[in-house]
N, C-alpha and C. Protein backbone atom coordinates (compact mmCIF):
# COMPACT_ATOMS: atom_id res chain seq x y z
N MET A 1 46.52 11.14 47.20
CA MET A 1 45.68 10.39 48.12
C MET A 1 44.47 11.19 48.55
N SER A 2 44.64 12.52 48.70
CA SER A 2 43.51 13.35 49.10
C SER A 2 42.39 13.30 48.07
N GLY A 3 42.76 13.28 46.78
CA GLY A 3 41.76 13.19 45.73
C GLY A 3 40.95 11.91 45.84
N ASP A 4 41.59 10.80 46.18
CA ASP A 4 40.88 9.53 46.36
C ASP A 4 39.90 9.61 47.52
N THR A 5 40.33 10.24 48.62
CA THR A 5 39.46 10.39 49.79
C THR A 5 38.25 11.24 49.44
N ASP A 6 38.46 12.33 48.69
CA ASP A 6 37.36 13.19 48.28
C ASP A 6 36.37 12.42 47.41
N LEU A 7 36.87 11.59 46.51
CA LEU A 7 36.00 10.82 45.63
C LEU A 7 35.20 9.79 46.42
N ILE A 8 35.82 9.19 47.40
CA ILE A 8 35.10 8.22 48.25
C ILE A 8 33.98 8.93 49.01
N LYS A 9 34.25 10.15 49.51
CA LYS A 9 33.22 10.92 50.20
C LYS A 9 32.07 11.27 49.26
N LEU A 10 32.42 11.56 47.99
CA LEU A 10 31.41 11.92 47.01
C LEU A 10 30.39 10.80 46.84
N TYR A 11 30.87 9.57 46.78
CA TYR A 11 29.98 8.43 46.60
C TYR A 11 29.50 7.94 47.97
N SER A 12 28.72 8.79 48.61
CA SER A 12 28.23 8.52 49.95
C SER A 12 27.28 7.33 49.95
N GLU A 13 27.03 6.84 51.12
CA GLU A 13 26.09 5.72 51.29
C GLU A 13 24.71 6.09 50.75
N ARG A 14 24.29 7.33 50.96
CA ARG A 14 22.97 7.77 50.49
C ARG A 14 22.91 7.80 48.96
N ILE A 15 23.95 8.29 48.31
CA ILE A 15 23.99 8.32 46.84
C ILE A 15 23.95 6.91 46.29
N LEU A 16 24.73 6.03 46.88
CA LEU A 16 24.75 4.64 46.41
C LEU A 16 23.41 3.95 46.65
N ALA A 17 22.74 4.27 47.75
CA ALA A 17 21.43 3.69 48.03
C ALA A 17 20.40 4.17 47.01
N LEU A 18 20.43 5.45 46.68
CA LEU A 18 19.51 5.98 45.67
C LEU A 18 19.77 5.32 44.31
N ALA A 19 21.04 5.17 43.97
CA ALA A 19 21.39 4.56 42.69
C ALA A 19 20.91 3.11 42.60
N ALA A 20 20.91 2.44 43.72
CA ALA A 20 20.53 1.02 43.75
C ALA A 20 19.02 0.82 43.80
N ASP A 21 18.27 1.85 44.16
CA ASP A 21 16.82 1.71 44.34
C ASP A 21 16.09 2.68 43.41
N MET A 22 16.12 2.36 42.12
CA MET A 22 15.57 3.24 41.09
C MET A 22 14.05 3.08 40.97
N PRO A 23 13.27 4.13 41.27
CA PRO A 23 11.82 4.04 41.10
C PRO A 23 11.44 4.24 39.63
N ASN A 24 10.30 3.73 39.27
CA ASN A 24 9.77 3.90 37.91
C ASN A 24 10.80 3.53 36.84
N ASP A 25 11.46 2.40 37.06
CA ASP A 25 12.53 1.98 36.16
C ASP A 25 12.05 1.08 35.02
N GLU A 26 10.74 1.10 34.77
CA GLU A 26 10.18 0.36 33.65
C GLU A 26 9.77 1.38 32.57
N ARG A 27 10.04 1.04 31.32
CA ARG A 27 9.58 1.88 30.21
C ARG A 27 8.06 1.77 30.11
N LEU A 28 7.40 2.82 29.67
CA LEU A 28 5.96 2.82 29.50
C LEU A 28 5.58 2.20 28.16
N ALA A 29 4.50 1.46 28.14
CA ALA A 29 4.05 0.80 26.92
C ALA A 29 3.50 1.79 25.90
N HIS A 30 2.80 2.83 26.37
CA HIS A 30 2.17 3.80 25.46
C HIS A 30 2.40 5.23 25.96
N PRO A 31 3.65 5.70 25.90
CA PRO A 31 3.92 7.06 26.40
C PRO A 31 3.41 8.14 25.45
N ASP A 32 3.13 9.30 26.01
CA ASP A 32 2.82 10.47 25.20
C ASP A 32 4.09 11.05 24.59
N ALA A 33 5.22 10.82 25.26
CA ALA A 33 6.51 11.29 24.77
C ALA A 33 7.62 10.44 25.34
N THR A 34 8.66 10.26 24.53
CA THR A 34 9.88 9.57 24.94
C THR A 34 11.07 10.42 24.53
N ILE A 35 11.99 10.62 25.45
CA ILE A 35 13.20 11.37 25.16
C ILE A 35 14.40 10.59 25.70
N LYS A 36 15.43 10.49 24.88
CA LYS A 36 16.69 9.88 25.31
C LYS A 36 17.75 10.97 25.27
N LYS A 37 18.43 11.14 26.39
CA LYS A 37 19.51 12.13 26.50
C LYS A 37 20.80 11.40 26.84
N ARG A 38 21.90 11.91 26.28
CA ARG A 38 23.22 11.30 26.50
C ARG A 38 24.21 12.39 26.87
N SER A 39 25.04 12.08 27.85
CA SER A 39 26.13 12.97 28.22
C SER A 39 27.33 12.64 27.34
N PRO A 40 27.76 13.57 26.49
CA PRO A 40 28.87 13.26 25.60
C PRO A 40 30.20 13.01 26.33
N LEU A 41 30.34 13.60 27.50
CA LEU A 41 31.60 13.47 28.24
C LEU A 41 31.82 12.06 28.78
N CYS A 42 30.77 11.47 29.37
CA CYS A 42 30.96 10.17 30.02
C CYS A 42 30.15 9.05 29.36
N GLY A 43 29.24 9.40 28.47
CA GLY A 43 28.44 8.38 27.80
C GLY A 43 27.21 7.93 28.56
N SER A 44 26.93 8.54 29.71
CA SER A 44 25.72 8.19 30.46
C SER A 44 24.50 8.50 29.60
N THR A 45 23.48 7.65 29.72
CA THR A 45 22.22 7.90 29.00
C THR A 45 21.03 7.73 29.95
N VAL A 46 20.01 8.52 29.67
CA VAL A 46 18.74 8.41 30.37
C VAL A 46 17.64 8.50 29.32
N THR A 47 16.75 7.52 29.34
CA THR A 47 15.57 7.55 28.48
C THR A 47 14.36 7.71 29.39
N VAL A 48 13.53 8.71 29.09
CA VAL A 48 12.36 9.01 29.90
C VAL A 48 11.11 8.86 29.04
N ASP A 49 10.13 8.15 29.57
CA ASP A 49 8.79 8.04 28.98
C ASP A 49 7.82 8.71 29.94
N ILE A 50 6.89 9.49 29.38
CA ILE A 50 5.85 10.08 30.23
C ILE A 50 4.49 10.01 29.54
N THR A 51 3.47 9.99 30.35
CA THR A 51 2.13 10.33 29.90
C THR A 51 1.72 11.56 30.70
N VAL A 52 0.92 12.40 30.07
CA VAL A 52 0.52 13.67 30.69
C VAL A 52 -1.00 13.74 30.70
N LYS A 53 -1.52 14.16 31.83
CA LYS A 53 -2.96 14.38 31.96
C LYS A 53 -3.17 15.69 32.70
N ASP A 54 -3.98 16.56 32.13
CA ASP A 54 -4.28 17.86 32.74
C ASP A 54 -3.02 18.65 33.08
N GLY A 55 -2.01 18.58 32.19
CA GLY A 55 -0.79 19.36 32.38
C GLY A 55 0.18 18.81 33.41
N ARG A 56 -0.09 17.61 33.91
CA ARG A 56 0.78 17.00 34.92
C ARG A 56 1.25 15.63 34.43
N ILE A 57 2.41 15.22 34.89
CA ILE A 57 2.91 13.90 34.55
C ILE A 57 2.03 12.87 35.25
N ALA A 58 1.36 12.06 34.46
CA ALA A 58 0.48 11.02 35.01
C ALA A 58 1.24 9.73 35.24
N GLU A 59 2.09 9.37 34.28
CA GLU A 59 2.92 8.16 34.41
C GLU A 59 4.34 8.51 34.00
N TYR A 60 5.29 7.86 34.64
CA TYR A 60 6.71 8.15 34.40
C TYR A 60 7.46 6.83 34.36
N GLY A 61 8.24 6.65 33.32
CA GLY A 61 9.11 5.48 33.22
C GLY A 61 10.47 5.92 32.76
N GLN A 62 11.50 5.17 33.16
CA GLN A 62 12.84 5.56 32.77
C GLN A 62 13.76 4.36 32.63
N ASP A 63 14.75 4.53 31.77
CA ASP A 63 15.82 3.56 31.61
C ASP A 63 17.11 4.35 31.78
N VAL A 64 17.88 4.01 32.81
CA VAL A 64 19.05 4.81 33.18
C VAL A 64 20.31 3.96 33.07
N LYS A 65 21.23 4.44 32.26
CA LYS A 65 22.56 3.82 32.12
C LYS A 65 23.56 4.93 32.41
N ALA A 66 23.88 5.10 33.69
CA ALA A 66 24.69 6.23 34.10
C ALA A 66 25.56 5.85 35.29
N CYS A 67 26.48 6.74 35.62
CA CYS A 67 27.29 6.58 36.82
C CYS A 67 26.39 6.66 38.05
N ALA A 68 26.93 6.38 39.20
CA ALA A 68 26.15 6.40 40.43
C ALA A 68 25.52 7.77 40.68
N LEU A 69 26.20 8.84 40.32
CA LEU A 69 25.65 10.18 40.53
C LEU A 69 24.46 10.42 39.61
N GLY A 70 24.58 10.04 38.35
CA GLY A 70 23.47 10.16 37.41
C GLY A 70 22.30 9.28 37.81
N GLN A 71 22.61 8.09 38.32
CA GLN A 71 21.56 7.19 38.79
C GLN A 71 20.86 7.76 40.01
N ALA A 72 21.61 8.34 40.93
CA ALA A 72 21.02 8.92 42.13
C ALA A 72 20.09 10.07 41.75
N ALA A 73 20.53 10.93 40.82
CA ALA A 73 19.68 12.03 40.37
C ALA A 73 18.41 11.49 39.72
N ALA A 74 18.55 10.48 38.87
CA ALA A 74 17.39 9.88 38.19
C ALA A 74 16.46 9.22 39.20
N SER A 75 17.01 8.67 40.25
CA SER A 75 16.20 8.05 41.29
C SER A 75 15.31 9.09 41.97
N VAL A 76 15.89 10.22 42.32
CA VAL A 76 15.12 11.30 42.96
C VAL A 76 14.06 11.82 41.99
N VAL A 77 14.46 12.04 40.74
CA VAL A 77 13.53 12.58 39.74
C VAL A 77 12.41 11.57 39.46
N GLY A 78 12.76 10.30 39.35
CA GLY A 78 11.76 9.27 39.08
C GLY A 78 10.71 9.17 40.17
N ALA A 79 11.11 9.41 41.39
CA ALA A 79 10.16 9.38 42.51
C ALA A 79 9.33 10.65 42.59
N ALA A 80 9.94 11.79 42.22
CA ALA A 80 9.29 13.08 42.42
C ALA A 80 8.46 13.56 41.23
N ALA A 81 8.79 13.14 40.03
CA ALA A 81 8.18 13.70 38.82
C ALA A 81 6.69 13.42 38.66
N PRO A 82 6.20 12.21 38.97
CA PRO A 82 4.76 11.97 38.79
C PRO A 82 3.93 13.00 39.57
N GLY A 83 2.98 13.61 38.86
CA GLY A 83 2.14 14.63 39.47
C GLY A 83 2.63 16.04 39.23
N CYS A 84 3.84 16.18 38.71
CA CYS A 84 4.42 17.51 38.53
C CYS A 84 4.02 18.14 37.19
N THR A 85 4.04 19.47 37.18
CA THR A 85 3.80 20.25 35.97
C THR A 85 5.13 20.53 35.28
N ARG A 86 5.05 21.05 34.07
CA ARG A 86 6.25 21.43 33.34
C ARG A 86 7.03 22.49 34.13
N ASP A 87 6.32 23.46 34.68
CA ASP A 87 6.99 24.52 35.43
C ASP A 87 7.77 23.97 36.63
N GLN A 88 7.21 22.99 37.32
CA GLN A 88 7.91 22.38 38.45
C GLN A 88 9.18 21.66 37.98
N ILE A 89 9.11 20.99 36.84
CA ILE A 89 10.28 20.29 36.31
C ILE A 89 11.34 21.31 35.90
N GLU A 90 10.91 22.38 35.24
CA GLU A 90 11.86 23.41 34.82
C GLU A 90 12.52 24.07 36.03
N THR A 91 11.74 24.37 37.05
CA THR A 91 12.30 24.97 38.27
C THR A 91 13.31 24.03 38.92
N ALA A 92 12.97 22.75 39.01
CA ALA A 92 13.89 21.78 39.60
C ALA A 92 15.19 21.71 38.80
N ARG A 93 15.08 21.71 37.46
CA ARG A 93 16.28 21.69 36.62
C ARG A 93 17.15 22.91 36.89
N ASP A 94 16.52 24.08 36.90
CA ASP A 94 17.28 25.32 37.12
C ASP A 94 17.91 25.35 38.52
N GLN A 95 17.17 24.86 39.51
CA GLN A 95 17.70 24.85 40.88
C GLN A 95 18.84 23.86 41.03
N LEU A 96 18.73 22.69 40.38
CA LEU A 96 19.83 21.72 40.45
C LEU A 96 21.07 22.28 39.76
N LYS A 97 20.87 22.93 38.63
CA LYS A 97 22.00 23.54 37.93
C LYS A 97 22.68 24.58 38.82
N ALA A 98 21.89 25.41 39.50
CA ALA A 98 22.44 26.43 40.39
C ALA A 98 23.15 25.79 41.59
N LEU A 99 22.58 24.71 42.11
CA LEU A 99 23.21 24.00 43.22
C LEU A 99 24.60 23.51 42.81
N LEU A 100 24.69 22.95 41.61
CA LEU A 100 25.97 22.40 41.14
C LEU A 100 26.97 23.48 40.73
N LYS A 101 26.50 24.51 40.06
CA LYS A 101 27.41 25.52 39.52
C LYS A 101 27.81 26.59 40.52
N SER A 102 26.87 26.98 41.39
CA SER A 102 27.17 28.12 42.26
C SER A 102 26.76 27.89 43.71
N ASP A 103 26.69 26.61 44.11
CA ASP A 103 26.33 26.24 45.47
C ASP A 103 25.00 26.87 45.88
N GLY A 104 24.04 26.87 44.94
CA GLY A 104 22.72 27.44 45.18
C GLY A 104 21.96 26.65 46.22
N PRO A 105 20.75 27.11 46.53
CA PRO A 105 19.95 26.45 47.56
C PRO A 105 19.45 25.08 47.10
N THR A 106 18.99 24.32 48.06
CA THR A 106 18.40 23.02 47.79
C THR A 106 17.16 23.20 46.91
N PRO A 107 16.99 22.35 45.89
CA PRO A 107 15.77 22.44 45.07
C PRO A 107 14.52 22.29 45.93
N ASP A 108 13.44 22.93 45.46
CA ASP A 108 12.15 22.87 46.14
C ASP A 108 11.62 21.44 46.16
N ALA A 109 10.79 21.14 47.15
CA ALA A 109 10.08 19.87 47.20
C ALA A 109 9.18 19.79 45.97
N PRO A 110 9.01 18.67 45.39
CA PRO A 110 9.40 17.34 45.84
C PRO A 110 10.80 16.91 45.41
N PHE A 111 11.58 17.86 44.86
CA PHE A 111 12.92 17.53 44.35
C PHE A 111 14.03 17.83 45.35
N ASP A 112 13.67 18.08 46.61
CA ASP A 112 14.66 18.42 47.63
C ASP A 112 15.63 17.28 47.91
N GLY A 113 15.30 16.07 47.52
CA GLY A 113 16.23 14.95 47.67
C GLY A 113 17.48 15.10 46.83
N LEU A 114 17.45 16.01 45.85
CA LEU A 114 18.65 16.26 45.03
C LEU A 114 19.77 16.92 45.83
N GLU A 115 19.44 17.39 47.03
CA GLU A 115 20.46 17.97 47.93
C GLU A 115 21.62 17.00 48.13
N VAL A 116 21.35 15.72 48.09
CA VAL A 116 22.39 14.70 48.30
C VAL A 116 23.53 14.85 47.28
N LEU A 117 23.26 15.51 46.17
CA LEU A 117 24.27 15.66 45.12
C LEU A 117 25.13 16.92 45.28
N ARG A 118 24.90 17.69 46.34
CA ARG A 118 25.69 18.91 46.56
C ARG A 118 27.21 18.64 46.54
N PRO A 119 27.71 17.56 47.13
CA PRO A 119 29.16 17.33 47.08
C PRO A 119 29.72 17.20 45.65
N ALA A 120 28.88 16.94 44.67
CA ALA A 120 29.34 16.79 43.29
C ALA A 120 29.61 18.12 42.60
N ARG A 121 29.31 19.23 43.26
CA ARG A 121 29.53 20.54 42.63
C ARG A 121 30.99 20.74 42.24
N ASP A 122 31.90 20.12 42.98
CA ASP A 122 33.32 20.28 42.68
C ASP A 122 33.80 19.36 41.56
N TYR A 123 32.92 18.51 41.04
CA TYR A 123 33.27 17.56 39.98
C TYR A 123 32.50 17.91 38.73
N LYS A 124 32.95 18.97 38.05
CA LYS A 124 32.24 19.51 36.90
C LYS A 124 32.05 18.47 35.79
N ASN A 125 32.95 17.52 35.70
CA ASN A 125 32.83 16.47 34.67
C ASN A 125 31.66 15.54 34.94
N ARG A 126 31.03 15.61 36.10
CA ARG A 126 29.87 14.78 36.43
C ARG A 126 28.54 15.52 36.30
N HIS A 127 28.60 16.83 36.13
CA HIS A 127 27.38 17.63 36.11
C HIS A 127 26.42 17.22 35.00
N ALA A 128 26.93 16.95 33.80
CA ALA A 128 26.05 16.60 32.68
C ALA A 128 25.26 15.33 32.98
N SER A 129 25.92 14.35 33.56
CA SER A 129 25.24 13.10 33.91
C SER A 129 24.17 13.33 34.97
N ILE A 130 24.46 14.17 35.93
CA ILE A 130 23.52 14.48 37.01
C ILE A 130 22.28 15.19 36.45
N MET A 131 22.46 16.01 35.44
CA MET A 131 21.36 16.81 34.89
C MET A 131 20.47 16.04 33.91
N LEU A 132 20.92 14.89 33.43
CA LEU A 132 20.21 14.17 32.36
C LEU A 132 18.73 13.91 32.64
N ALA A 133 18.40 13.40 33.80
CA ALA A 133 17.02 12.99 34.08
C ALA A 133 16.06 14.19 34.03
N LEU A 134 16.45 15.30 34.62
CA LEU A 134 15.57 16.48 34.59
C LEU A 134 15.50 17.07 33.19
N GLU A 135 16.61 17.10 32.48
CA GLU A 135 16.60 17.64 31.13
C GLU A 135 15.74 16.78 30.21
N ALA A 136 15.85 15.47 30.32
CA ALA A 136 15.03 14.57 29.50
C ALA A 136 13.55 14.71 29.86
N THR A 137 13.24 14.84 31.13
CA THR A 137 11.85 14.98 31.57
C THR A 137 11.25 16.28 31.05
N LEU A 138 12.01 17.35 31.14
CA LEU A 138 11.52 18.64 30.64
C LEU A 138 11.29 18.58 29.13
N GLU A 139 12.22 18.00 28.41
CA GLU A 139 12.07 17.86 26.96
C GLU A 139 10.87 16.97 26.62
N ALA A 140 10.65 15.92 27.41
CA ALA A 140 9.50 15.05 27.19
C ALA A 140 8.19 15.81 27.42
N MET A 141 8.15 16.67 28.42
CA MET A 141 6.96 17.49 28.67
C MET A 141 6.68 18.38 27.46
N ASP A 142 7.72 18.98 26.91
CA ASP A 142 7.55 19.84 25.74
C ASP A 142 7.06 19.03 24.53
N LYS A 143 7.64 17.87 24.33
CA LYS A 143 7.23 17.01 23.21
C LYS A 143 5.78 16.56 23.37
N ALA A 144 5.39 16.20 24.57
CA ALA A 144 4.01 15.77 24.82
C ALA A 144 3.03 16.91 24.55
N ALA A 145 3.41 18.13 24.90
CA ALA A 145 2.55 19.29 24.67
C ALA A 145 2.42 19.56 23.17
N GLU A 146 3.53 19.42 22.42
CA GLU A 146 3.48 19.60 20.97
C GLU A 146 2.58 18.57 20.33
N THR A 147 2.69 17.32 20.76
CA THR A 147 1.90 16.22 20.21
C THR A 147 0.41 16.44 20.51
N ALA A 148 0.11 16.93 21.70
CA ALA A 148 -1.27 17.17 22.08
C ALA A 148 -1.91 18.28 21.25
N CYS A 149 -1.09 19.26 20.84
CA CYS A 149 -1.59 20.38 20.07
C CYS A 149 -1.68 20.06 18.57
N ALA A 150 -1.00 19.01 18.15
CA ALA A 150 -0.95 18.70 16.71
C ALA A 150 -2.24 18.05 16.23
């Protein structure tokens, strides 16, 4: 019974609200890069489209098929990513990973909303789904940079 109570606490009202209110949930018509990432453990998928201007994400679109935790993470990332550089995305990814694996500090703004996922640190089987949006965004930034240089 305690495990059920812990799981109910994990899916807090804030996490469920983020999952239900996904920003930038439309795919882009003409992205500079598109990346689809899948969590092999649970099957969650996130597809990210971006356009980049002057080294920053100019437009961001996403299609998220994930658990509530993955959706909540994608919701925060979808709201925060526009205007960000590759370095900011990489830092947010590394900080979220540290938050989940070793109870690290809250990610820097504009990704500080990922703090809501701190209770998921004890659910290692959910970490891959939570990381999908940032990993896909970072990979999309790299792909866009390669395409621009080609």
